[in-house]
Amino acid sequence: MKTRHLLFTLGLALFTAAVGAAESLLVFAGAATQPPTTEAARAFEKKTGVKVDIAFGGSGYVLSQMKLARRGDLFFPGSSDYMEVAKRQGLVLPQTERILVYVVPAINVQKGNPHGIKGLKDLLQPGLRVAIANPEGVCVGAYAVEIFEKALTPAEREQLKANIKNYTGSCEQTATAISLKLADAVIGWRVFQYWDPQRIETIALPAEQIPRIGYIPIAIAKYSKNPKLAQQFIDFLTGPEGQAIYAKYSYFADPESAFRWIGAVKPVGGEYVVPKEWLNLRATVDPKQVAKP
């Protein structure tokens, strides 16, 4: 009897653990959608009872974490660039990839624009504190470098580098550098203004200086133990409830909306290879300083 009871108890414990494991998801996500994705995950949890754990960070960095850990249900980078890397390395199931929203690069400054920044070349002003995300692992940092390389002369780029005191480690840190007045200007996403409208303002770049717009994709990771549940989360994010949350933060639902805001049609997505000379600036914002206010 004792043996039978022990086996029953052990079986019940294993079954409970299996059910618990099945009813949770682990998402490795770029921080380009951190506020709405956090809200959407809570809404999904409330609706389904499924716990959603999200590891946010620079897209390249969280991809490396997922690969090293050999676990995770979904990969959710901040742009197409790192999804292309993930597909090339066989880390996601390509047939499950879906596009959630579209984003446009812009200059972000402190509310009220105290330094009177009107365009890209204003970032060359001596003494101005400029920050960009680390282009080695953060999508928006790669977009920033692509913009600098195409819109500025070599001499102007060197001037700009003198003002770049910090590389931030994620989109969230890039936006927070403005919120906490650790930088006077950043090259970020247009939507940063809607993350913290009391402290962040967006300065649009002219159409000719925007090489492409970004899209934010999601796909099931090859490590997923529950791809059906992972697909359910994708369906929620791309469905009416999820899309309403992203719309609340002013993400573009389609490329045409982004084109109208820019005033021109631009390439969508793709992958940019950052020149090596931009990978040598190693200064970073102190993580303690970029904690959420």
Protein backbone atom coordinates (compact mmCIF):
# COMPACT_ATOMS: atom_id res chain seq x y z
CA MET A 1 0.00 0.00 0.00
CA LYS A 2 2.81 2.36 0.93
CA THR A 3 4.56 1.66 -2.38
CA ARG A 4 1.35 2.21 -4.33
CA HIS A 5 0.68 5.45 -2.43
CA LEU A 6 4.26 6.63 -3.06
CA LEU A 7 3.96 5.90 -6.79
CA PHE A 8 0.60 7.71 -6.94
CA THR A 9 2.04 10.74 -5.11
CA LEU A 10 5.10 10.80 -7.35
CA GLY A 11 2.96 10.48 -10.46
CA LEU A 12 0.66 13.26 -9.31
CA ALA A 13 3.65 15.52 -8.59
CA LEU A 14 5.12 14.86 -12.05
CA PHE A 15 1.73 15.47 -13.68
CA THR A 16 1.29 18.75 -11.77
CA ALA A 17 4.77 19.89 -12.73
CA ALA A 18 4.12 19.02 -16.36
CA VAL A 19 0.83 20.93 -16.37
CA GLY A 20 2.52 23.90 -14.70
CA ALA A 21 5.29 23.85 -17.28
CA ALA A 22 2.74 23.61 -20.11
CA GLU A 23 0.84 26.62 -18.86
CA SER A 24 3.69 29.10 -19.07
CA LEU A 25 5.68 30.76 -21.84
CA LEU A 26 9.17 32.20 -21.94
CA VAL A 27 9.70 35.03 -24.44
CA PHE A 28 13.07 36.50 -25.43
CA ALA A 29 12.23 40.00 -26.63
CA GLY A 30 13.94 43.11 -27.87
CA ALA A 31 12.97 46.14 -25.81
CA ALA A 32 11.56 48.11 -28.79
CA THR A 33 8.04 47.22 -27.64
CA GLN A 34 8.62 46.87 -23.91
CA PRO A 35 5.70 48.98 -22.58
CA PRO A 36 2.93 47.60 -24.85
CA THR A 37 4.28 44.04 -24.83
CA THR A 38 4.37 44.01 -21.04
CA GLU A 39 0.76 45.21 -21.01
CA ALA A 40 -0.27 42.71 -23.68
CA ALA A 41 1.34 39.83 -21.80
CA ARG A 42 -0.61 40.72 -18.65
CA ALA A 43 -3.83 40.88 -20.69
CA PHE A 44 -3.08 37.44 -22.17
CA GLU A 45 -2.40 36.05 -18.71
CA LYS A 46 -5.69 37.45 -17.41
CA LYS A 47 -7.62 36.01 -20.35
CA THR A 48 -6.01 32.54 -20.45
CA GLY A 49 -4.37 31.94 -17.08
CA VAL A 50 -1.08 31.29 -18.89
CA LYS A 51 1.95 32.93 -17.27
CA VAL A 52 4.16 34.85 -19.72
CA ASP A 53 7.74 35.51 -18.63
CA ILE A 54 9.59 38.01 -20.84
CA ALA A 55 13.35 38.55 -20.95
CA PHE A 56 13.75 42.05 -22.44
CA GLY A 57 17.00 43.51 -23.75
CA GLY A 58 18.93 44.34 -26.89
CA SER A 59 17.70 41.95 -29.59
CA GLY A 60 21.14 40.55 -30.34
CA TYR A 61 21.83 40.02 -26.66
CA VAL A 62 18.57 38.21 -25.88
CA LEU A 63 19.03 36.06 -28.98
CA SER A 64 22.43 35.00 -27.62
CA GLN A 65 20.84 34.29 -24.22
CA MET A 66 18.18 32.09 -25.82
CA LYS A 67 20.79 30.23 -27.84
CA LEU A 68 23.06 29.66 -24.83
CA ALA A 69 20.22 28.63 -22.54
CA ARG A 70 18.70 26.40 -25.24
CA ARG A 71 15.26 27.28 -23.97
CA GLY A 72 12.47 29.74 -24.71
CA ASP A 73 9.17 29.60 -26.54
CA LEU A 74 9.25 32.76 -28.65
CA PHE A 75 11.77 35.17 -30.12
CA PHE A 76 10.46 38.71 -30.44
CA PRO A 77 13.23 41.09 -31.68
CA GLY A 78 12.96 44.84 -32.13
CA SER A 79 13.33 44.68 -35.92
CA SER A 80 13.77 42.32 -38.84
CA ASP A 81 17.58 42.42 -38.57
CA TYR A 82 17.87 39.93 -35.72
CA MET A 83 15.00 37.77 -36.91
CA GLU A 84 17.02 37.23 -40.08
CA VAL A 85 19.97 36.17 -37.91
CA ALA A 86 17.73 33.84 -35.89
CA LYS A 87 16.36 32.23 -39.06
CA ARG A 88 19.82 31.86 -40.55
CA GLN A 89 21.04 30.12 -37.40
CA GLY A 90 18.00 27.84 -37.25
CA LEU A 91 16.85 29.20 -33.87
CA VAL A 92 13.22 29.86 -34.84
CA LEU A 93 10.56 28.15 -36.93
CA PRO A 94 10.43 30.43 -40.02
CA GLN A 95 6.91 29.40 -41.01
CA THR A 96 5.58 30.81 -37.71
CA GLU A 97 6.98 34.33 -38.20
CA ARG A 98 4.40 37.10 -38.04
CA ILE A 99 4.75 40.90 -38.21
CA LEU A 100 3.15 42.79 -35.34
CA VAL A 101 3.81 46.48 -35.97
CA TYR A 102 6.04 48.93 -37.83
CA VAL A 103 8.45 51.55 -36.45
CA VAL A 104 10.28 54.60 -37.79
CA PRO A 105 13.64 55.97 -36.57
CA ALA A 106 13.69 59.55 -35.30
CA ILE A 107 15.54 61.96 -33.02
CA ASN A 108 14.27 61.92 -29.44
CA VAL A 109 14.93 64.88 -27.14
CA GLN A 110 13.81 66.12 -23.74
CA LYS A 111 10.30 67.54 -23.58
CA GLY A 112 10.30 71.16 -24.76
CA ASN A 113 13.45 70.56 -26.83
CA PRO A 114 15.67 72.77 -24.62
CA HIS A 115 18.61 72.59 -27.06
CA GLY A 116 16.54 73.61 -30.09
CA ILE A 117 17.40 70.51 -32.09
CA LYS A 118 15.73 70.59 -35.50
CA GLY A 119 17.70 68.02 -37.47
CA LEU A 120 20.54 65.54 -37.65
CA LYS A 121 23.32 68.09 -38.06
CA ASP A 122 22.27 69.85 -34.86
CA LEU A 123 23.65 66.78 -33.09
CA LEU A 124 27.13 67.96 -34.10
CA GLN A 125 26.96 70.97 -31.74
CA PRO A 126 30.04 70.93 -29.48
CA GLY A 127 29.20 69.81 -25.99
CA LEU A 128 25.85 68.22 -26.86
CA ARG A 129 25.36 64.87 -25.12
CA VAL A 130 24.23 62.31 -27.69
CA ALA A 131 23.50 58.65 -27.01
CA ILE A 132 22.72 55.77 -29.34
CA ALA A 133 22.06 52.13 -28.60
CA ASN A 134 24.97 49.76 -29.02
CA PRO A 135 24.78 48.86 -32.73
CA GLU A 136 26.46 45.54 -32.04
CA GLY A 137 23.39 44.11 -30.33
CA VAL A 138 20.51 46.61 -30.43
CA CYS A 139 18.39 47.13 -33.55
CA VAL A 140 17.82 50.87 -33.13
CA GLY A 141 21.56 51.40 -32.72
CA ALA A 142 22.15 49.77 -36.10
CA TYR A 143 19.48 52.05 -37.60
CA ALA A 144 21.26 55.06 -36.08
CA VAL A 145 24.58 54.09 -37.65
CA GLU A 146 22.90 53.44 -41.00
CA ILE A 147 21.42 56.95 -40.88
CA PHE A 148 24.77 58.54 -39.94
CA GLU A 149 26.64 56.67 -42.66
CA LYS A 150 24.23 57.76 -45.39
CA ALA A 151 23.42 61.32 -44.27
CA LEU A 152 26.72 62.65 -42.87
CA THR A 153 30.14 63.16 -44.36
CA PRO A 154 33.14 61.36 -42.82
CA ALA A 155 34.18 64.60 -41.09
CA GLU A 156 30.67 65.12 -39.72
CA ARG A 157 30.57 61.55 -38.44
CA GLU A 158 33.78 62.15 -36.51
CA GLN A 159 32.26 65.31 -35.04
CA LEU A 160 29.22 63.35 -34.00
CA LYS A 161 31.29 60.59 -32.40
CA ALA A 162 32.88 63.20 -30.17
CA ASN A 163 29.39 63.90 -28.78
CA ILE A 164 28.42 60.26 -28.32
CA LYS A 165 29.45 59.57 -24.77
CA ASN A 166 27.29 56.51 -24.26
CA TYR A 167 26.14 53.37 -25.96
CA THR A 168 22.99 52.07 -24.30
CA GLY A 169 22.19 48.37 -24.00
CA SER A 170 18.57 48.36 -25.19
CA CYS A 171 15.75 50.50 -26.54
CA GLU A 172 14.40 50.90 -23.02
CA GLN A 173 17.75 52.28 -21.84
CA THR A 174 17.94 54.58 -24.86
CA ALA A 175 14.54 56.11 -24.09
CA THR A 176 15.35 56.33 -20.38
CA ALA A 177 18.56 58.24 -21.15
CA ILE A 178 16.28 61.07 -22.32
CA SER A 179 13.70 60.62 -19.55
CA LEU A 180 16.39 60.95 -16.87
CA LYS A 181 18.27 63.70 -18.74
CA LEU A 182 21.38 61.56 -19.10
CA ALA A 183 21.50 62.61 -22.77
CA ASP A 184 20.34 65.66 -24.70
CA ALA A 185 19.37 63.67 -27.78
CA VAL A 186 19.23 60.09 -28.99
CA ILE A 187 18.48 58.37 -32.26
CA GLY A 188 15.59 56.16 -31.26
CA TRP A 189 12.17 55.14 -32.44
CA ARG A 190 9.39 57.66 -33.01
CA VAL A 191 7.26 55.79 -30.44
CA PHE A 192 9.60 56.63 -27.54
CA GLN A 193 7.60 59.84 -27.14
CA TYR A 194 4.51 57.76 -26.37
CA TRP A 195 6.34 55.68 -23.78
CA ASP A 196 6.95 58.79 -21.64
CA PRO A 197 5.04 61.75 -23.12
CA GLN A 198 5.76 63.96 -20.12
CA ARG A 199 9.51 63.84 -20.68
CA ILE A 200 10.26 62.74 -24.26
CA GLU A 201 9.64 64.59 -27.52
CA THR A 202 10.21 63.32 -31.07
CA ILE A 203 11.91 65.29 -33.84
CA ALA A 204 11.10 63.74 -37.21
CA LEU A 205 13.94 63.11 -39.65
CA PRO A 206 13.38 64.28 -43.23
CA ALA A 207 12.33 61.49 -45.57
CA GLU A 208 15.64 61.53 -47.46
CA GLN A 209 17.53 60.68 -44.25
CA ILE A 210 15.43 57.61 -43.43
CA PRO A 211 16.92 54.65 -45.31
CA ARG A 212 14.19 52.19 -44.28
CA ILE A 213 11.43 51.59 -41.78
CA GLY A 214 11.48 48.72 -39.33
CA TYR A 215 8.97 46.02 -38.60
CA ILE A 216 8.74 44.04 -35.41
CA PRO A 217 8.34 40.29 -35.96
CA ILE A 218 7.73 37.36 -33.65
CA ALA A 219 8.28 33.64 -34.20
CA ILE A 220 8.22 30.40 -32.25
CA ALA A 221 11.65 29.33 -31.00
CA LYS A 222 12.95 25.90 -31.95
CA TYR A 223 13.34 25.17 -28.23
CA SER A 224 9.64 25.59 -27.43
CA LYS A 225 8.10 22.75 -25.43
CA ASN A 226 4.61 24.02 -26.20
CA PRO A 227 4.42 25.48 -29.72
CA LYS A 228 0.61 25.41 -29.69
CA LEU A 229 0.52 27.69 -26.67
CA ALA A 230 3.22 29.88 -28.21
CA GLN A 231 1.08 30.17 -31.35
CA GLN A 232 -1.87 31.16 -29.18
CA PHE A 233 0.17 34.07 -27.80
CA ILE A 234 1.15 35.15 -31.32
CA ASP A 235 -2.49 35.02 -32.37
CA PHE A 236 -3.44 37.19 -29.38
CA LEU A 237 -0.76 39.81 -30.17
CA THR A 238 -1.70 39.99 -33.84
CA GLY A 239 -5.44 39.90 -33.12
CA PRO A 240 -7.76 42.81 -32.25
CA GLU A 241 -7.00 42.86 -28.50
CA GLY A 242 -3.24 42.82 -28.89
CA GLN A 243 -3.21 45.29 -31.77
CA ALA A 244 -5.35 47.73 -29.77
CA ILE A 245 -2.66 47.80 -27.09
CA TYR A 246 0.10 48.59 -29.60
CA ALA A 247 -2.11 51.24 -31.21
CA LYS A 248 -2.49 52.90 -27.81
CA TYR A 249 1.27 53.50 -27.87
CA SER A 250 1.09 54.80 -31.47
CA TYR A 251 2.88 51.94 -33.23
CA PHE A 252 2.06 51.73 -36.93
CA ALA A 253 -0.17 48.80 -37.84
CA ASP A 254 0.91 48.76 -41.50
CA PRO A 255 3.70 50.22 -43.65
CA GLU A 256 1.35 52.64 -45.39
CA SER A 257 0.69 54.43 -42.08
CA ALA A 258 4.43 54.79 -41.57
CA PHE A 259 4.90 56.11 -45.11
CA ARG A 260 2.22 58.74 -44.54
CA TRP A 261 3.99 59.92 -41.39
CA ILE A 262 7.34 60.10 -43.20
CA GLY A 263 5.87 61.60 -46.36
CA ALA A 264 7.53 59.05 -48.63
CA VAL A 265 7.59 55.35 -49.44
CA LYS A 266 10.64 53.58 -47.99
CA PRO A 267 12.10 50.06 -48.00
CA VAL A 268 10.67 47.90 -45.23
CA GLY A 269 12.75 45.70 -42.94
CA GLY A 270 15.90 44.06 -44.19
CA GLU A 271 19.24 43.66 -42.46
CA TYR A 272 22.06 46.17 -42.07
CA VAL A 273 25.70 45.25 -41.47
CA VAL A 274 27.25 47.81 -39.11
CA PRO A 275 30.73 49.03 -40.18
CA LYS A 276 33.47 47.85 -37.81
CA GLU A 277 34.52 51.36 -36.80
CA TRP A 278 31.18 51.80 -35.02
CA LEU A 279 31.74 48.70 -32.91
CA ASN A 280 34.70 50.15 -31.01
CA LEU A 281 32.95 52.76 -28.89
CA ARG A 282 32.50 50.89 -25.64
CA ALA A 283 31.22 53.51 -23.19
CA THR A 284 27.85 52.54 -21.77
CA VAL A 285 25.23 54.17 -19.62
CA ASP A 286 25.49 52.95 -16.04
CA PRO A 287 22.67 50.36 -15.72
CA LYS A 288 21.87 51.74 -12.26
CA GLN A 289 21.15 55.09 -13.85
CA VAL A 290 18.79 53.74 -16.46
CA ALA A 291 16.45 51.88 -14.16
CA LYS A 292 12.85 52.84 -14.82
CA PRO A 293 11.98 56.08 -13.04
